[in-house]
Amino acid sequence: MTQLSEIIFRDSHFFLILIVSLIFIIYFLFKKKKQYTSISFSSTKILSQKSNYKKRIIRLPLFLRIIASIFIIIALARPQSTNNWQENTNEGIDVIMAIDISGSMLAEDLKPNRLEAAKNVAIDFISNRNNDRIGLVVFSGESFTQCPLTTDHNVLVNLFKDVKSGMVDDGTALGMGIATSVNRLKESDAKSKVIVLVTDGVNNSGEIAPLTAAELCKSFGIRIYTIGIGTLGLAPYPFQTPFGIQYQDVEVKIDEKTLQDIAMITEGKFFRATNNSSLKKIYDEIDLLEKSKIKVTEFSKKKEEFRIFLYVSFLLLIISYLLENIILKRLI
């Protein structure tokens, strides 16, 4: 909630009277001052200090009436204090990041490798989704939830950094990865539920077929954005040998047809990332496609503030009257 306070004058044209009055007062004071004549004295002792004191006191009622008039004009201008505030209602999106951690994700056609590139871009994506709950599912031969839906993105990012290949049996269980993600989203009441699925292979394990899992997503109103990650043709892959790590070019096999079908069934979209920059652009596009809705309701409350100015002006007029008709008559 954002709240602002300000003072406004409902009938500000009354300030024209104040300006004109001040001009006349300054004019008459200046004119009166010019009418004074100067007389030279050999000594200032003949000027009575008591007389000067009385002259100043005599002017006080007039001064008080001028101040009272100014306050009356301000009251006529109807000062009002206005409190404006806003209530922001965030309608965030629930997002599950489903990341393939199979051995093939260690291929280095993306830098430093596919898995690390996918993690780095996903972390940047998370940092821009302040209003969303985001969770993390990882899969290879099996799938599990690395982080449930949360708005604590710092915890999520730290868990993301801990993801590595080999955490579960190797393989590519696309259907299981989707099913685990659905399990995290099915009870969600968010206005939009999304899975971002990143893989570099072909479904070859798991008990649930990818398209069956996609139909399950559709029944729960979940949209899937599928990303096939990997270059076209061959990719350098590291192998551990007795002589250290050696690289060998292996064929990139991504089941684009299945990924396209998954996206189509769930009304999502299929992307292909062949390098780091294209992967970044894909996440930027998803970020634009799935915007959180922020509803702003504005309120305002006005309070009349003229009374305090009237009270002060009446008080000054009473003091002026007492000074002029009682106190000063006794002094003079």
C-alpha atoms as a PDB file:
ATOM      1  CA  MET A   1       0.000   0.000   0.000  1.00  0.00           C
ATOM      2  CA  THR A   2       1.298   3.441  -1.001  1.00  0.00           C
ATOM      3  CA  GLN A   3      -0.010   6.532   0.826  1.00  0.00           C
ATOM      4  CA  LEU A   4       0.517  10.205   0.009  1.00  0.00           C
ATOM      5  CA  SER A   5      -0.710  13.349   1.830  1.00  0.00           C
ATOM      6  CA  GLU A   6      -1.077  16.871   0.461  1.00  0.00           C
ATOM      7  CA  ILE A   7      -2.844  20.184   1.124  1.00  0.00           C
ATOM      8  CA  ILE A   8      -5.073  21.652  -1.578  1.00  0.00           C
ATOM      9  CA  PHE A   9      -7.245  24.801  -1.692  1.00  0.00           C
ATOM     10  CA  ARG A  10     -10.747  24.217  -3.054  1.00  0.00           C
ATOM     11  CA  ASP A  11     -11.474  27.944  -3.735  1.00  0.00           C
ATOM     12  CA  SER A  12      -7.988  29.250  -4.445  1.00  0.00           C
ATOM     13  CA  HIS A  13      -9.321  32.346  -6.294  1.00  0.00           C
ATOM     14  CA  PHE A  14      -9.752  34.005  -2.864  1.00  0.00           C
ATOM     15  CA  PHE A  15      -5.977  34.398  -2.811  1.00  0.00           C
ATOM     16  CA  LEU A  16      -6.444  37.183  -5.380  1.00  0.00           C
ATOM     17  CA  ILE A  17      -8.072  39.236  -2.608  1.00  0.00           C
ATOM     18  CA  LEU A  18      -5.080  38.521  -0.396  1.00  0.00           C
ATOM     19  CA  ILE A  19      -2.612  39.597  -3.081  1.00  0.00           C
ATOM     20  CA  VAL A  20      -4.506  42.818  -3.804  1.00  0.00           C
ATOM     21  CA  SER A  21      -4.790  43.592  -0.087  1.00  0.00           C
ATOM     22  CA  LEU A  22      -1.062  43.069   0.460  1.00  0.00           C
ATOM     23  CA  ILE A  23      -0.297  45.395  -2.464  1.00  0.00           C
ATOM     24  CA  PHE A  24      -2.452  48.162  -0.927  1.00  0.00           C
ATOM     25  CA  ILE A  25      -0.906  47.655   2.525  1.00  0.00           C
ATOM     26  CA  ILE A  26       2.636  47.884   1.144  1.00  0.00           C
ATOM     27  CA  TYR A  27       1.643  50.942  -0.899  1.00  0.00           C
ATOM     28  CA  PHE A  28       0.179  52.861   2.053  1.00  0.00           C
ATOM     29  CA  LEU A  29       3.070  51.950   4.345  1.00  0.00           C
ATOM     30  CA  PHE A  30       5.544  53.159   1.737  1.00  0.00           C
ATOM     31  CA  LYS A  31       3.530  56.341   1.149  1.00  0.00           C
ATOM     32  CA  LYS A  32       3.286  57.062   4.874  1.00  0.00           C
ATOM     33  CA  LYS A  33       7.003  56.542   5.278  1.00  0.00           C
ATOM     34  CA  LYS A  34       7.755  59.093   2.537  1.00  0.00           C
ATOM     35  CA  GLN A  35       5.599  61.705   4.344  1.00  0.00           C
ATOM     36  CA  TYR A  36       7.950  61.704   7.311  1.00  0.00           C
ATOM     37  CA  THR A  37      10.338  64.650   7.577  1.00  0.00           C
ATOM     38  CA  SER A  38      13.723  64.564   9.185  1.00  0.00           C
ATOM     39  CA  ILE A  39      14.777  67.027  11.893  1.00  0.00           C
ATOM     40  CA  SER A  40      18.318  67.291  13.170  1.00  0.00           C
ATOM     41  CA  PHE A  41      18.918  67.322  16.919  1.00  0.00           C
ATOM     42  CA  SER A  42      22.136  67.940  18.741  1.00  0.00           C
ATOM     43  CA  SER A  43      21.246  65.220  21.207  1.00  0.00           C
ATOM     44  CA  THR A  44      18.917  62.182  21.170  1.00  0.00           C
ATOM     45  CA  LYS A  45      18.193  62.486  24.867  1.00  0.00           C
ATOM     46  CA  ILE A  46      15.115  64.565  24.132  1.00  0.00           C
ATOM     47  CA  LEU A  47      13.488  61.465  22.547  1.00  0.00           C
ATOM     48  CA  SER A  48      11.634  59.634  25.189  1.00  0.00           C
ATOM     49  CA  GLN A  49      12.123  55.878  25.237  1.00  0.00           C
ATOM     50  CA  LYS A  50       8.689  55.523  26.790  1.00  0.00           C
ATOM     51  CA  SER A  51       7.142  57.436  23.912  1.00  0.00           C
ATOM     52  CA  ASN A  52       8.773  55.145  21.327  1.00  0.00           C
ATOM     53  CA  TYR A  53       7.551  52.093  23.230  1.00  0.00           C
ATOM     54  CA  LYS A  54       3.955  53.411  23.218  1.00  0.00           C
ATOM     55  CA  LYS A  55       4.086  54.081  19.472  1.00  0.00           C
ATOM     56  CA  ARG A  56       5.037  50.495  18.819  1.00  0.00           C
ATOM     57  CA  ILE A  57       2.327  49.117  21.107  1.00  0.00           C
ATOM     58  CA  ILE A  58      -0.341  51.321  19.509  1.00  0.00           C
ATOM     59  CA  ARG A  59       0.361  49.710  16.112  1.00  0.00           C
ATOM     60  CA  LEU A  60      -0.044  46.191  17.493  1.00  0.00           C
ATOM     61  CA  PRO A  61      -3.895  45.970  17.159  1.00  0.00           C
ATOM     62  CA  LEU A  62      -3.666  47.003  13.510  1.00  0.00           C
ATOM     63  CA  PHE A  63      -0.973  44.408  12.900  1.00  0.00           C
ATOM     64  CA  LEU A  64      -3.114  41.705  14.578  1.00  0.00           C
ATOM     65  CA  ARG A  65      -6.146  42.690  12.449  1.00  0.00           C
ATOM     66  CA  ILE A  66      -4.048  42.386   9.281  1.00  0.00           C
ATOM     67  CA  ILE A  67      -2.861  38.896  10.289  1.00  0.00           C
ATOM     68  CA  ALA A  68      -6.455  37.946  11.197  1.00  0.00           C
ATOM     69  CA  SER A  69      -7.646  39.112   7.766  1.00  0.00           C
ATOM     70  CA  ILE A  70      -5.008  36.971   6.079  1.00  0.00           C
ATOM     71  CA  PHE A  71      -6.169  33.911   8.023  1.00  0.00           C
ATOM     72  CA  ILE A  72      -9.814  34.636   7.141  1.00  0.00           C
ATOM     73  CA  ILE A  73      -8.929  34.775   3.435  1.00  0.00           C
ATOM     74  CA  ILE A  74      -7.031  31.477   3.750  1.00  0.00           C
ATOM     75  CA  ALA A  75     -10.118  29.952   5.416  1.00  0.00           C
ATOM     76  CA  LEU A  76     -12.326  31.247   2.581  1.00  0.00           C
ATOM     77  CA  ALA A  77      -9.989  29.474   0.124  1.00  0.00           C
ATOM     78  CA  ARG A  78     -11.086  26.195   1.826  1.00  0.00           C
ATOM     79  CA  PRO A  79      -7.847  24.356   2.572  1.00  0.00           C
ATOM     80  CA  GLN A  80      -8.280  20.596   2.517  1.00  0.00           C
ATOM     81  CA  SER A  81      -5.906  17.838   3.502  1.00  0.00           C
ATOM     82  CA  THR A  82      -6.042  15.007   0.985  1.00  0.00           C
ATOM     83  CA  ASN A  83      -4.836  11.500   1.724  1.00  0.00           C
ATOM     84  CA  ASN A  84      -4.295   9.409  -1.384  1.00  0.00           C
ATOM     85  CA  TRP A  85      -3.355   5.766  -1.166  1.00  0.00           C
ATOM     86  CA  GLN A  86      -3.086   2.788  -3.425  1.00  0.00           C
ATOM     87  CA  GLU A  87      -3.706  -0.878  -2.856  1.00  0.00           C
ATOM     88  CA  ASN A  88      -1.684  -3.148  -5.131  1.00  0.00           C
ATOM     89  CA  THR A  89      -3.063  -6.622  -5.740  1.00  0.00           C
ATOM     90  CA  ASN A  90      -0.539  -8.958  -7.312  1.00  0.00           C
ATOM     91  CA  GLU A  91      -1.914 -11.837  -9.325  1.00  0.00           C
ATOM     92  CA  GLY A  92       1.257 -13.820  -9.804  1.00  0.00           C
ATOM     93  CA  ILE A  93       1.962 -16.883 -11.907  1.00  0.00           C
ATOM     94  CA  ASP A  94       2.986 -20.297 -10.614  1.00  0.00           C
ATOM     95  CA  VAL A  95       5.946 -21.638 -12.590  1.00  0.00           C
ATOM     96  CA  ILE A  96       7.719 -24.979 -12.394  1.00  0.00           C
ATOM     97  CA  MET A  97      11.150 -25.159 -13.996  1.00  0.00           C
ATOM     98  CA  ALA A  98      11.606 -28.773 -15.171  1.00  0.00           C
ATOM     99  CA  ILE A  99      15.267 -29.352 -16.051  1.00  0.00           C
ATOM    100  CA  ASP A 100      16.795 -32.416 -17.699  1.00  0.00           C
ATOM    101  CA  ILE A 101      19.939 -33.496 -15.789  1.00  0.00           C
ATOM    102  CA  SER A 102      20.798 -36.549 -17.851  1.00  0.00           C
ATOM    103  CA  GLY A 103      24.446 -37.226 -18.774  1.00  0.00           C
ATOM    104  CA  SER A 104      24.003 -35.767 -22.252  1.00  0.00           C
ATOM    105  CA  MET A 105      23.414 -32.353 -20.669  1.00  0.00           C
ATOM    106  CA  LEU A 106      27.176 -32.232 -20.041  1.00  0.00           C
ATOM    107  CA  ALA A 107      27.830 -31.757 -23.771  1.00  0.00           C
ATOM    108  CA  GLU A 108      29.724 -28.556 -24.377  1.00  0.00           C
ATOM    109  CA  ASP A 109      28.058 -27.155 -27.484  1.00  0.00           C
ATOM    110  CA  LEU A 110      26.684 -24.526 -25.055  1.00  0.00           C
ATOM    111  CA  LYS A 111      29.150 -22.983 -22.638  1.00  0.00           C
ATOM    112  CA  PRO A 112      30.350 -24.146 -20.213  1.00  0.00           C
ATOM    113  CA  ASN A 113      27.929 -27.019 -20.934  1.00  0.00           C
ATOM    114  CA  ARG A 114      24.220 -27.455 -21.607  1.00  0.00           C
ATOM    115  CA  LEU A 115      23.241 -27.961 -17.963  1.00  0.00           C
ATOM    116  CA  GLU A 116      25.183 -24.985 -16.605  1.00  0.00           C
ATOM    117  CA  ALA A 117      23.961 -22.769 -19.432  1.00  0.00           C
ATOM    118  CA  ALA A 118      20.367 -23.796 -18.696  1.00  0.00           C
ATOM    119  CA  LYS A 119      20.873 -23.121 -14.970  1.00  0.00           C
ATOM    120  CA  ASN A 120      22.432 -19.691 -15.506  1.00  0.00           C
ATOM    121  CA  VAL A 121      19.698 -18.436 -17.840  1.00  0.00           C
ATOM    122  CA  ALA A 122      16.961 -19.877 -15.612  1.00  0.00           C
ATOM    123  CA  ILE A 123      18.410 -18.061 -12.582  1.00  0.00           C
ATOM    124  CA  ASP A 124      18.300 -14.771 -14.511  1.00  0.00           C
ATOM    125  CA  PHE A 125      14.687 -15.545 -15.424  1.00  0.00           C
ATOM    126  CA  ILE A 126      13.805 -16.150 -11.761  1.00  0.00           C
ATOM    127  CA  SER A 127      15.332 -12.833 -10.671  1.00  0.00           C
ATOM    128  CA  ASN A 128      12.844 -10.952 -12.892  1.00  0.00           C
ATOM    129  CA  ARG A 129       9.736 -12.743 -11.556  1.00  0.00           C
ATOM    130  CA  ASN A 130       9.295 -11.044  -8.180  1.00  0.00           C
ATOM    131  CA  ASN A 131       5.543 -11.651  -7.942  1.00  0.00           C
ATOM    132  CA  ASP A 132       5.558 -15.318  -8.936  1.00  0.00           C
ATOM    133  CA  ARG A 133       5.847 -18.561  -7.048  1.00  0.00           C
ATOM    134  CA  ILE A 134       8.477 -20.698  -8.741  1.00  0.00           C
ATOM    135  CA  GLY A 135       9.535 -24.279  -8.113  1.00  0.00           C
ATOM    136  CA  LEU A 136      12.154 -26.647  -9.510  1.00  0.00           C
ATOM    137  CA  VAL A 137      11.812 -30.225 -10.752  1.00  0.00           C
ATOM    138  CA  VAL A 138      14.773 -32.176 -12.091  1.00  0.00           C
ATOM    139  CA  PHE A 139      14.629 -35.388 -14.094  1.00  0.00           C
ATOM    140  CA  SER A 140      16.732 -37.872 -15.992  1.00  0.00           C
ATOM    141  CA  GLY A 141      15.833 -41.602 -15.640  1.00  0.00           C
ATOM    142  CA  GLU A 142      13.599 -40.556 -12.719  1.00  0.00           C
ATOM    143  CA  SER A 143      12.249 -37.214 -11.494  1.00  0.00           C
ATOM    144  CA  PHE A 144      11.974 -35.438  -8.168  1.00  0.00           C
ATOM    145  CA  THR A 145      11.174 -32.013  -6.752  1.00  0.00           C
ATOM    146  CA  GLN A 146      14.306 -30.046  -5.937  1.00  0.00           C
ATOM    147  CA  CYS A 147      12.277 -27.074  -4.656  1.00  0.00           C
ATOM    148  CA  PRO A 148       8.489 -26.725  -4.223  1.00  0.00           C
ATOM    149  CA  LEU A 149       6.691 -23.547  -5.292  1.00  0.00           C
ATOM    150  CA  THR A 150       8.042 -20.616  -3.329  1.00  0.00           C
ATOM    151  CA  THR A 151       8.322 -16.845  -3.381  1.00  0.00           C
ATOM    152  CA  ASP A 152      11.663 -17.081  -1.555  1.00  0.00           C
ATOM    153  CA  HIS A 153      13.717 -16.858  -4.708  1.00  0.00           C
ATOM    154  CA  ASN A 154      17.020 -16.718  -2.831  1.00  0.00           C
ATOM    155  CA  VAL A 155      16.419 -20.231  -1.507  1.00  0.00           C
ATOM    156  CA  LEU A 156      15.324 -21.364  -4.961  1.00  0.00           C
ATOM    157  CA  VAL A 157      18.447 -19.974  -6.627  1.00  0.00           C
ATOM    158  CA  ASN A 158      20.704 -21.688  -4.064  1.00  0.00           C
ATOM    159  CA  LEU A 159      18.961 -25.011  -4.706  1.00  0.00           C
ATOM    160  CA  PHE A 160      19.261 -24.407  -8.444  1.00  0.00           C
ATOM    161  CA  LYS A 161      23.018 -24.000  -8.079  1.00  0.00           C
ATOM    162  CA  ASP A 162      23.225 -27.396  -6.351  1.00  0.00           C
ATOM    163  CA  VAL A 163      21.696 -29.208  -9.352  1.00  0.00           C
ATOM    164  CA  LYS A 164      24.140 -31.464 -11.188  1.00  0.00           C
ATOM    165  CA  SER A 165      24.076 -34.409 -13.524  1.00  0.00           C
ATOM    166  CA  GLY A 166      24.127 -37.844 -11.884  1.00  0.00           C
ATOM    167  CA  MET A 167      21.794 -36.994  -8.973  1.00  0.00           C
ATOM    168  CA  VAL A 168      19.522 -39.855 -10.117  1.00  0.00           C
ATOM    169  CA  ASP A 169      19.791 -42.750 -12.578  1.00  0.00           C
ATOM    170  CA  ASP A 170      20.611 -41.685 -16.109  1.00  0.00           C
ATOM    171  CA  GLY A 171      18.056 -41.560 -18.894  1.00  0.00           C
ATOM    172  CA  THR A 172      15.406 -39.132 -20.164  1.00  0.00           C
ATOM    173  CA  ALA A 173      11.986 -39.538 -18.554  1.00  0.00           C
ATOM    174  CA  LEU A 174      10.095 -36.617 -20.066  1.00  0.00           C
ATOM    175  CA  GLY A 175       6.708 -37.954 -18.967  1.00  0.00           C
ATOM    176  CA  MET A 176       7.863 -38.362 -15.365  1.00  0.00           C
ATOM    177  CA  GLY A 177       9.354 -34.863 -15.317  1.00  0.00           C
ATOM    178  CA  ILE A 178       6.038 -33.408 -16.520  1.00  0.00           C
ATOM    179  CA  ALA A 179       3.984 -35.546 -14.108  1.00  0.00           C
ATOM    180  CA  THR A 180       6.041 -34.457 -11.097  1.00  0.00           C
ATOM    181  CA  SER A 181       5.604 -30.824 -12.182  1.00  0.00           C
ATOM    182  CA  VAL A 182       1.841 -31.310 -12.512  1.00  0.00           C
ATOM    183  CA  ASN A 183       1.746 -32.729  -9.007  1.00  0.00           C
ATOM    184  CA  ARG A 184       3.201 -29.441  -7.742  1.00  0.00           C
ATOM    185  CA  LEU A 185       0.809 -27.254  -9.737  1.00  0.00           C
ATOM    186  CA  LYS A 186      -2.525 -29.103  -9.645  1.00  0.00           C
ATOM    187  CA  GLU A 187      -3.682 -27.520  -6.348  1.00  0.00           C
ATOM    188  CA  SER A 188      -2.589 -24.040  -7.382  1.00  0.00           C
ATOM    189  CA  ASP A 189      -5.218 -21.291  -7.597  1.00  0.00           C
ATOM    190  CA  ALA A 190      -2.959 -18.941  -9.575  1.00  0.00           C
ATOM    191  CA  LYS A 191      -4.469 -17.277 -12.639  1.00  0.00           C
ATOM    192  CA  SER A 192      -1.777 -18.913 -14.758  1.00  0.00           C
ATOM    193  CA  LYS A 193       0.124 -22.189 -14.243  1.00  0.00           C
ATOM    194  CA  VAL A 194       3.198 -22.829 -16.329  1.00  0.00           C
ATOM    195  CA  ILE A 195       5.884 -25.470 -16.811  1.00  0.00           C
ATOM    196  CA  VAL A 196       9.151 -24.562 -18.530  1.00  0.00           C
ATOM    197  CA  LEU A 197      10.585 -27.885 -19.709  1.00  0.00           C
ATOM    198  CA  VAL A 198      14.245 -28.013 -20.781  1.00  0.00           C
ATOM    199  CA  THR A 199      15.646 -31.206 -22.336  1.00  0.00           C
ATOM    200  CA  ASP A 200      18.249 -32.295 -24.864  1.00  0.00           C
ATOM    201  CA  GLY A 201      17.143 -35.823 -25.609  1.00  0.00           C
ATOM    202  CA  VAL A 202      14.515 -38.368 -26.510  1.00  0.00           C
ATOM    203  CA  ASN A 203      12.153 -39.941 -23.985  1.00  0.00           C
ATOM    204  CA  ASN A 204      13.603 -43.381 -23.194  1.00  0.00           C
ATOM    205  CA  SER A 205      12.526 -44.174 -19.627  1.00  0.00           C
ATOM    206  CA  GLY A 206       9.803 -43.622 -17.069  1.00  0.00           C
ATOM    207  CA  GLU A 207       6.341 -45.107 -16.554  1.00  0.00           C
ATOM    208  CA  ILE A 208       4.359 -42.219 -18.050  1.00  0.00           C
ATOM    209  CA  ALA A 209       4.395 -41.305 -21.735  1.00  0.00           C
ATOM    210  CA  PRO A 210       5.143 -37.628 -22.475  1.00  0.00           C
ATOM    211  CA  LEU A 211       1.896 -37.025 -24.389  1.00  0.00           C
ATOM    212  CA  THR A 212      -0.144 -38.686 -21.640  1.00  0.00           C
ATOM    213  CA  ALA A 213       1.479 -36.315 -19.138  1.00  0.00           C
ATOM    214  CA  ALA A 214       0.694 -33.423 -21.494  1.00  0.00           C
ATOM    215  CA  GLU A 215      -2.989 -34.385 -21.530  1.00  0.00           C
ATOM    216  CA  LEU A 216      -2.871 -34.428 -17.733  1.00  0.00           C
ATOM    217  CA  CYS A 217      -1.481 -30.883 -17.831  1.00  0.00           C
ATOM    218  CA  LYS A 218      -4.300 -29.770 -20.102  1.00  0.00           C
ATOM    219  CA  SER A 219      -6.936 -31.107 -17.701  1.00  0.00           C
ATOM    220  CA  PHE A 220      -5.478 -28.922 -14.924  1.00  0.00           C
ATOM    221  CA  GLY A 221      -5.138 -25.828 -17.117  1.00  0.00           C
ATOM    222  CA  ILE A 222      -1.321 -25.972 -17.118  1.00  0.00           C
ATOM    223  CA  ARG A 223       0.638 -24.597 -20.066  1.00  0.00           C
ATOM    224  CA  ILE A 224       4.026 -26.045 -21.060  1.00  0.00           C
ATOM    225  CA  TYR A 225       6.830 -24.200 -22.809  1.00  0.00           C
ATOM    226  CA  THR A 226       9.222 -26.833 -24.170  1.00  0.00           C
ATOM    227  CA  ILE A 227      12.849 -26.012 -24.938  1.00  0.00           C
ATOM    228  CA  GLY A 228      15.037 -28.385 -26.933  1.00  0.00           C
ATOM    229  CA  ILE A 229      18.613 -27.495 -26.006  1.00  0.00           C
ATOM    230  CA  GLY A 230      21.565 -28.498 -28.154  1.00  0.00           C
ATOM    231  CA  THR A 231      23.259 -27.556 -31.406  1.00  0.00           C
ATOM    232  CA  LEU A 232      22.411 -29.016 -34.783  1.00  0.00           C
ATOM    233  CA  GLY A 233      24.533 -31.981 -35.893  1.00  0.00           C
ATOM    234  CA  LEU A 234      27.392 -33.018 -33.596  1.00  0.00           C
ATOM    235  CA  ALA A 235      28.358 -31.766 -30.146  1.00  0.00           C
ATOM    236  CA  PRO A 236      31.597 -32.210 -28.139  1.00  0.00           C
ATOM    237  CA  TYR A 237      31.030 -34.514 -25.179  1.00  0.00           C
ATOM    238  CA  PRO A 238      33.571 -35.165 -22.375  1.00  0.00           C
ATOM    239  CA  PHE A 239      34.548 -38.774 -21.588  1.00  0.00           C
ATOM    240  CA  GLN A 240      36.603 -39.869 -18.583  1.00  0.00           C
ATOM    241  CA  THR A 241      39.583 -42.035 -19.632  1.00  0.00           C
ATOM    242  CA  PRO A 242      42.670 -43.340 -17.826  1.00  0.00           C
ATOM    243  CA  PHE A 243      44.509 -40.453 -19.429  1.00  0.00           C
ATOM    244  CA  GLY A 244      42.032 -37.832 -18.216  1.00  0.00           C
ATOM    245  CA  ILE A 245      39.042 -36.253 -19.877  1.00  0.00           C
ATOM    246  CA  GLN A 246      38.857 -36.718 -23.614  1.00  0.00           C
ATOM    247  CA  TYR A 247      36.324 -35.170 -25.969  1.00  0.00           C
ATOM    248  CA  GLN A 248      34.377 -36.892 -28.684  1.00  0.00           C
ATOM    249  CA  ASP A 249      31.772 -35.510 -31.042  1.00  0.00           C
ATOM    250  CA  VAL A 250      28.405 -37.180 -30.516  1.00  0.00           C
ATOM    251  CA  GLU A 251      25.204 -36.825 -32.517  1.00  0.00           C
ATOM    252  CA  VAL A 252      22.568 -34.490 -31.067  1.00  0.00           C
ATOM    253  CA  LYS A 253      19.220 -36.269 -30.846  1.00  0.00           C
ATOM    254  CA  ILE A 254      16.252 -34.196 -29.733  1.00  0.00           C
ATOM    255  CA  ASP A 255      12.701 -35.415 -30.203  1.00  0.00           C
ATOM    256  CA  GLU A 256      11.389 -32.112 -31.548  1.00  0.00           C
ATOM    257  CA  LYS A 257       8.122 -33.700 -32.702  1.00  0.00           C
ATOM    258  CA  THR A 258       7.205 -34.833 -29.195  1.00  0.00           C
ATOM    259  CA  LEU A 259       8.203 -31.482 -27.688  1.00  0.00           C
ATOM    260  CA  GLN A 260       6.091 -29.665 -30.269  1.00  0.00           C
ATOM    261  CA  ASP A 261       3.118 -31.942 -29.540  1.00  0.00           C
ATOM    262  CA  ILE A 262       3.452 -31.361 -25.787  1.00  0.00           C
ATOM    263  CA  ALA A 263       3.428 -27.598 -26.336  1.00  0.00           C
ATOM    264  CA  MET A 264       0.474 -27.789 -28.725  1.00  0.00           C
ATOM    265  CA  ILE A 265      -1.668 -29.958 -26.422  1.00  0.00           C
ATOM    266  CA  THR A 266      -1.164 -27.562 -23.493  1.00  0.00           C
ATOM    267  CA  GLU A 267      -1.436 -24.359 -25.596  1.00  0.00           C
ATOM    268  CA  GLY A 268       2.192 -23.565 -24.902  1.00  0.00           C
ATOM    269  CA  LYS A 269       5.062 -23.103 -27.319  1.00  0.00           C
ATOM    270  CA  PHE A 270       8.118 -25.047 -28.511  1.00  0.00           C
ATOM    271  CA  PHE A 271      11.565 -23.436 -28.743  1.00  0.00           C
ATOM    272  CA  ARG A 272      14.923 -24.659 -29.960  1.00  0.00           C
ATOM    273  CA  ALA A 273      18.103 -23.343 -28.315  1.00  0.00           C
ATOM    274  CA  THR A 274      21.267 -24.052 -30.303  1.00  0.00           C
ATOM    275  CA  ASN A 275      23.572 -21.701 -28.359  1.00  0.00           C
ATOM    276  CA  ASN A 276      23.707 -19.549 -25.220  1.00  0.00           C
ATOM    277  CA  SER A 277      22.301 -16.403 -26.830  1.00  0.00           C
ATOM    278  CA  SER A 278      19.309 -18.197 -28.377  1.00  0.00           C
ATOM    279  CA  LEU A 279      18.570 -19.808 -25.004  1.00  0.00           C
ATOM    280  CA  LYS A 280      18.601 -16.376 -23.366  1.00  0.00           C
ATOM    281  CA  LYS A 281      16.226 -14.991 -26.015  1.00  0.00           C
ATOM    282  CA  ILE A 282      13.839 -17.902 -25.417  1.00  0.00           C
ATOM    283  CA  TYR A 283      13.592 -17.121 -21.717  1.00  0.00           C
ATOM    284  CA  ASP A 284      13.122 -13.434 -22.518  1.00  0.00           C
ATOM    285  CA  GLU A 285      10.207 -14.340 -24.785  1.00  0.00           C
ATOM    286  CA  ILE A 286       8.630 -16.568 -22.134  1.00  0.00           C
ATOM    287  CA  ASP A 287       9.039 -13.726 -19.657  1.00  0.00           C
ATOM    288  CA  LEU A 288       7.034 -11.470 -22.002  1.00  0.00           C
ATOM    289  CA  LEU A 289       4.398 -14.127 -22.692  1.00  0.00           C
ATOM    290  CA  GLU A 290       3.752 -14.777 -19.001  1.00  0.00           C
ATOM    291  CA  LYS A 291       3.368 -11.407 -17.286  1.00  0.00           C
ATOM    292  CA  SER A 292       2.051 -11.122 -13.742  1.00  0.00           C
ATOM    293  CA  LYS A 293      -1.028  -8.961 -13.356  1.00  0.00           C
ATOM    294  CA  ILE A 294      -0.788  -6.099 -10.870  1.00  0.00           C
ATOM    295  CA  LYS A 295      -4.128  -4.484 -10.040  1.00  0.00           C
ATOM    296  CA  VAL A 296      -3.882  -0.971  -8.594  1.00  0.00           C
ATOM    297  CA  THR A 297      -6.876   0.507  -6.750  1.00  0.00           C
ATOM    298  CA  GLU A 298      -6.659   4.197  -5.850  1.00  0.00           C
ATOM    299  CA  PHE A 299      -8.429   5.792  -2.879  1.00  0.00           C
ATOM    300  CA  SER A 300      -8.586   9.357  -1.608  1.00  0.00           C
ATOM    301  CA  LYS A 301      -9.958  11.026   1.507  1.00  0.00           C
ATOM    302  CA  LYS A 302     -10.395  14.774   1.982  1.00  0.00           C
ATOM    303  CA  LYS A 303     -10.667  16.671   5.268  1.00  0.00           C
ATOM    304  CA  GLU A 304     -11.662  20.340   5.634  1.00  0.00           C
ATOM    305  CA  GLU A 305      -8.924  22.335   7.369  1.00  0.00           C
ATOM    306  CA  PHE A 306     -10.398  25.877   7.251  1.00  0.00           C
ATOM    307  CA  ARG A 307     -11.636  25.821  10.862  1.00  0.00           C
ATOM    308  CA  ILE A 308      -8.198  26.214  12.413  1.00  0.00           C
ATOM    309  CA  PHE A 309      -7.607  29.375  10.366  1.00  0.00           C
ATOM    310  CA  LEU A 310     -10.968  30.831  11.441  1.00  0.00           C
ATOM    311  CA  TYR A 311     -10.286  30.031  15.088  1.00  0.00           C
ATOM    312  CA  VAL A 312      -6.885  31.741  14.917  1.00  0.00           C
ATOM    313  CA  SER A 313      -8.315  34.792  13.139  1.00  0.00           C
ATOM    314  CA  PHE A 314     -11.125  35.202  15.715  1.00  0.00           C
ATOM    315  CA  LEU A 315      -8.599  34.881  18.526  1.00  0.00           C
ATOM    316  CA  LEU A 316      -6.406  37.558  16.967  1.00  0.00           C
ATOM    317  CA  LEU A 317      -9.412  39.884  16.523  1.00  0.00           C
ATOM    318  CA  ILE A 318     -10.404  39.448  20.177  1.00  0.00           C
ATOM    319  CA  ILE A 319      -6.838  40.171  21.307  1.00  0.00           C
ATOM    320  CA  SER A 320      -6.780  43.229  19.034  1.00  0.00           C
ATOM    321  CA  TYR A 321     -10.054  44.497  20.507  1.00  0.00           C
ATOM    322  CA  LEU A 322      -8.883  44.027  24.102  1.00  0.00           C
ATOM    323  CA  LEU A 323      -5.579  45.741  23.389  1.00  0.00           C
ATOM    324  CA  GLU A 324      -7.164  48.720  21.665  1.00  0.00           C
ATOM    325  CA  ASN A 325     -10.139  49.324  23.983  1.00  0.00           C
ATOM    326  CA  ILE A 326      -8.901  48.265  27.414  1.00  0.00           C
ATOM    327  CA  ILE A 327      -5.185  47.728  27.812  1.00  0.00           C
ATOM    328  CA  LEU A 328      -3.794  50.524  25.617  1.00  0.00           C
ATOM    329  CA  LYS A 329      -6.308  53.082  26.973  1.00  0.00           C
ATOM    330  CA  ARG A 330      -4.903  52.480  30.443  1.00  0.00           C
ATOM    331  CA  LEU A 331      -1.304  52.778  29.263  1.00  0.00           C
ATOM    332  CA  ILE A 332      -1.734  55.973  27.248  1.00  0.00           C
END
